[in-house]
Amino acid sequence: MEITFRTKKLAQTFNSVSALRKAYGERMARVLMMRLAVLRDASNLSMVPTLPPNRRHQLQGKRARQYAVDLIHPYRLIFEPADTPARKVGGEVNTDEVTAITIIEVIDYH
């Protein structure tokens, strides 16, 4: 999948291993790099595993358009489709059609 970032600063952090380590620590940086590799290697969002350790899941409420993958508990990598995918019956996003995402943030939203 094609990956973009919400801010220039976030892009700079994620595109440099040393900046990622400085911002999130060694352990979290390793997990973030693994999750980004899975996201990049997937041809569409449906190919990102919904089971641990990635556990891709759609968020609810005010974050209903966003998705998350698990990092180190309780943190999540939050992203949203960069394109406007078709909706399935019931209003769910057709994840087969999501081929580009925008990384929003790393957060503990609990």
Protein backbone atom coordinates (compact mmCIF):
# COMPACT_ATOMS: atom_id res chain seq x y z
CA MET A 1 0.00 0.00 0.00
CA GLU A 2 1.01 3.56 -0.50
CA ILE A 3 1.62 5.32 2.82
CA THR A 4 1.53 9.06 3.44
CA PHE A 5 1.65 10.98 6.70
CA ARG A 6 -0.67 13.63 8.15
CA THR A 7 2.19 16.03 8.89
CA LYS A 8 5.65 16.69 7.51
CA LYS A 9 7.13 16.18 10.98
CA LEU A 10 5.49 12.76 11.29
CA ALA A 11 6.85 11.79 7.85
CA GLN A 12 10.36 12.86 8.85
CA THR A 13 10.15 10.83 12.06
CA PHE A 14 8.86 7.68 10.37
CA ASN A 15 11.32 7.89 7.48
CA SER A 16 14.38 7.88 9.75
CA VAL A 17 15.22 4.96 12.04
CA SER A 18 17.20 7.21 14.38
CA ALA A 19 14.37 9.77 14.57
CA LEU A 20 11.87 6.97 15.23
CA ARG A 21 14.05 5.61 18.06
CA LYS A 22 14.50 9.07 19.52
CA ALA A 23 10.77 9.84 19.43
CA TYR A 24 9.42 6.47 20.62
CA GLY A 25 12.28 4.50 22.16
CA GLU A 26 14.07 1.41 20.87
CA ARG A 27 11.36 -1.17 21.54
CA MET A 28 8.46 0.90 20.15
CA ALA A 29 10.54 1.90 17.11
CA ARG A 30 11.12 -1.78 16.29
CA VAL A 31 7.40 -2.55 16.54
CA LEU A 32 6.51 0.51 14.45
CA MET A 33 8.96 -0.56 11.73
CA MET A 34 7.41 -4.05 11.66
CA ARG A 35 3.87 -2.66 11.40
CA LEU A 36 4.89 -0.26 8.62
CA ALA A 37 6.50 -3.14 6.73
CA VAL A 38 3.24 -5.12 6.93
CA LEU A 39 1.24 -2.09 5.76
CA ARG A 40 3.63 -1.37 2.87
CA ASP A 41 3.72 -4.99 1.74
CA ALA A 42 -0.07 -5.33 1.67
CA SER A 43 -1.60 -4.53 -1.72
CA ASN A 44 -4.80 -3.40 0.02
CA LEU A 45 -6.17 -2.97 3.54
CA SER A 46 -7.93 -6.35 3.59
CA MET A 47 -4.49 -8.02 3.47
CA VAL A 48 -3.43 -6.50 6.82
CA PRO A 49 -4.06 -9.18 9.47
CA THR A 50 -6.96 -8.70 11.86
CA LEU A 51 -5.42 -11.11 14.37
CA PRO A 52 -2.59 -10.32 16.80
CA PRO A 53 0.10 -9.10 16.70
CA ASN A 54 -1.08 -6.58 14.05
CA ARG A 55 -4.81 -6.73 14.84
CA ARG A 56 -6.09 -4.24 12.28
CA HIS A 57 -9.42 -2.87 13.41
CA GLN A 58 -11.76 -0.05 12.49
CA LEU A 59 -12.38 2.53 15.19
CA GLN A 60 -15.74 3.86 16.33
CA GLY A 61 -17.39 7.10 17.34
CA LYS A 62 -15.61 10.26 16.25
CA ARG A 63 -12.80 8.08 14.83
CA ALA A 64 -15.19 5.94 12.73
CA ARG A 65 -13.29 6.64 9.47
CA GLN A 66 -9.99 5.59 11.06
CA TYR A 67 -8.27 2.25 11.59
CA ALA A 68 -5.63 1.11 14.07
CA VAL A 69 -3.02 -1.60 14.42
CA ASP A 70 -1.69 -2.68 17.78
CA LEU A 71 1.72 -1.59 18.96
CA ILE A 72 2.98 -2.04 22.54
CA HIS A 73 -0.08 -2.06 24.79
CA PRO A 74 -1.88 0.32 25.12
CA TYR A 75 -0.53 2.22 22.08
CA ARG A 76 -1.97 2.06 18.57
CA LEU A 77 -0.86 3.27 15.14
CA ILE A 78 -3.82 5.24 13.76
CA PHE A 79 -4.43 5.66 10.02
CA GLU A 80 -7.23 6.31 7.57
CA PRO A 81 -7.83 5.54 3.90
CA ALA A 82 -6.15 8.15 1.71
CA ASP A 83 -8.65 7.50 -1.06
CA THR A 84 -12.42 7.21 -0.86
CA PRO A 85 -13.21 3.50 -1.06
CA ALA A 86 -16.62 2.10 -1.92
CA ARG A 87 -18.91 1.12 0.92
CA LYS A 88 -20.31 -2.35 1.48
CA VAL A 89 -23.91 -2.98 2.40
CA GLY A 90 -24.33 -1.64 5.92
CA GLY A 91 -21.94 1.27 5.36
CA GLU A 92 -18.66 -0.52 6.10
CA VAL A 93 -15.62 0.39 4.04
CA ASN A 94 -14.68 -2.12 1.35
CA THR A 95 -11.14 -2.79 2.57
CA ASP A 96 -10.31 -4.56 -0.72
CA GLU A 97 -10.42 -1.14 -2.40
CA VAL A 98 -8.20 0.73 0.10
CA THR A 99 -4.77 0.87 -1.57
CA ALA A 100 -3.41 4.02 0.10
CA ILE A 101 -3.46 5.17 3.71
CA THR A 102 -2.47 8.25 5.70
CA ILE A 103 -0.78 7.72 9.06
CA ILE A 104 -2.42 10.03 11.60
CA GLU A 105 -0.66 9.38 14.91
CA VAL A 106 0.63 6.97 17.53
CA ILE A 107 -1.58 7.22 20.59
CA ASP A 108 -3.15 5.53 23.59
CA TYR A 109 -6.79 6.47 22.88
CA HIS A 110 -8.21 4.37 25.73
